[in-house]
Amino acid sequence: MPFEFKTLGIPELIVVRPKAFQDGRGFFMETYKHSDFAAAGIKEYFVQDNHSESDRGVLRGLHYQKGPYAQGKLVRCIRGRIFDVAVDIRKGSPTYAQWSGIELSAENRSMLYVPPVFAHGFLVLSESAEIIYKCTGEYSPQHDRGIIWNDPAIGINWPVEAPVLSAKDRLLPCLRDADNDFEYREGKENPK
């Protein structure tokens, strides 16, 4: 199998490490294969790819989309380094308001799978970074929501004190006030 799958603190968050085949010409690796991902518990199909570039200190997030337009994400950094974070926002979940984070970089080639019922964000650690992520749902502006990056109830240990934020992200609410319709159901990850 060309992938290694490992959970990241919260069981539904999965780190994916593709196997790269290197020689004198460079490298080759598979970055997604539905059958392997489904066997590892990532059964959703991806329907949209996004690509962003950001400078050092830019923090994008914490974002999610309400159901039925919720988006799972498979995040990969193809240039530079980012600190990638996901927060469980399922009401009633044993890990509600808990977060996990990991450094993704072009060098380590790791990816993070973020289920549709989690908020997601990242901070650029290098001079700049490019991120590609696959989504399980298409972007829907009317369902786009978020949580403020420094919500004390979540307590994310971001490696920055004053990130660069968009005007939209500066105005996001705390989790307790967020417009969120996700509820924990044993063995189910999908929103109601």
Foldseek 3Di string as FASTA:
>chain_A
DQWDWDAFPPRVKIKIQGHWDDDPVGIDTDPDDQVVCVVVPNNFDFDDKDKDKDFAQAKDFQKFFAPPQFKKKKKAWQAAKKWKKKAQCAPPDPRHLEMGIDMHHNVRRMIMIGFRRIGIMMGGHDRMIMMMMTIRGDDDVVRMAGAAPCQVSNHDPDPDDDGDYDPVNVPHHHSVPTPYQHHDDVPDRHGD
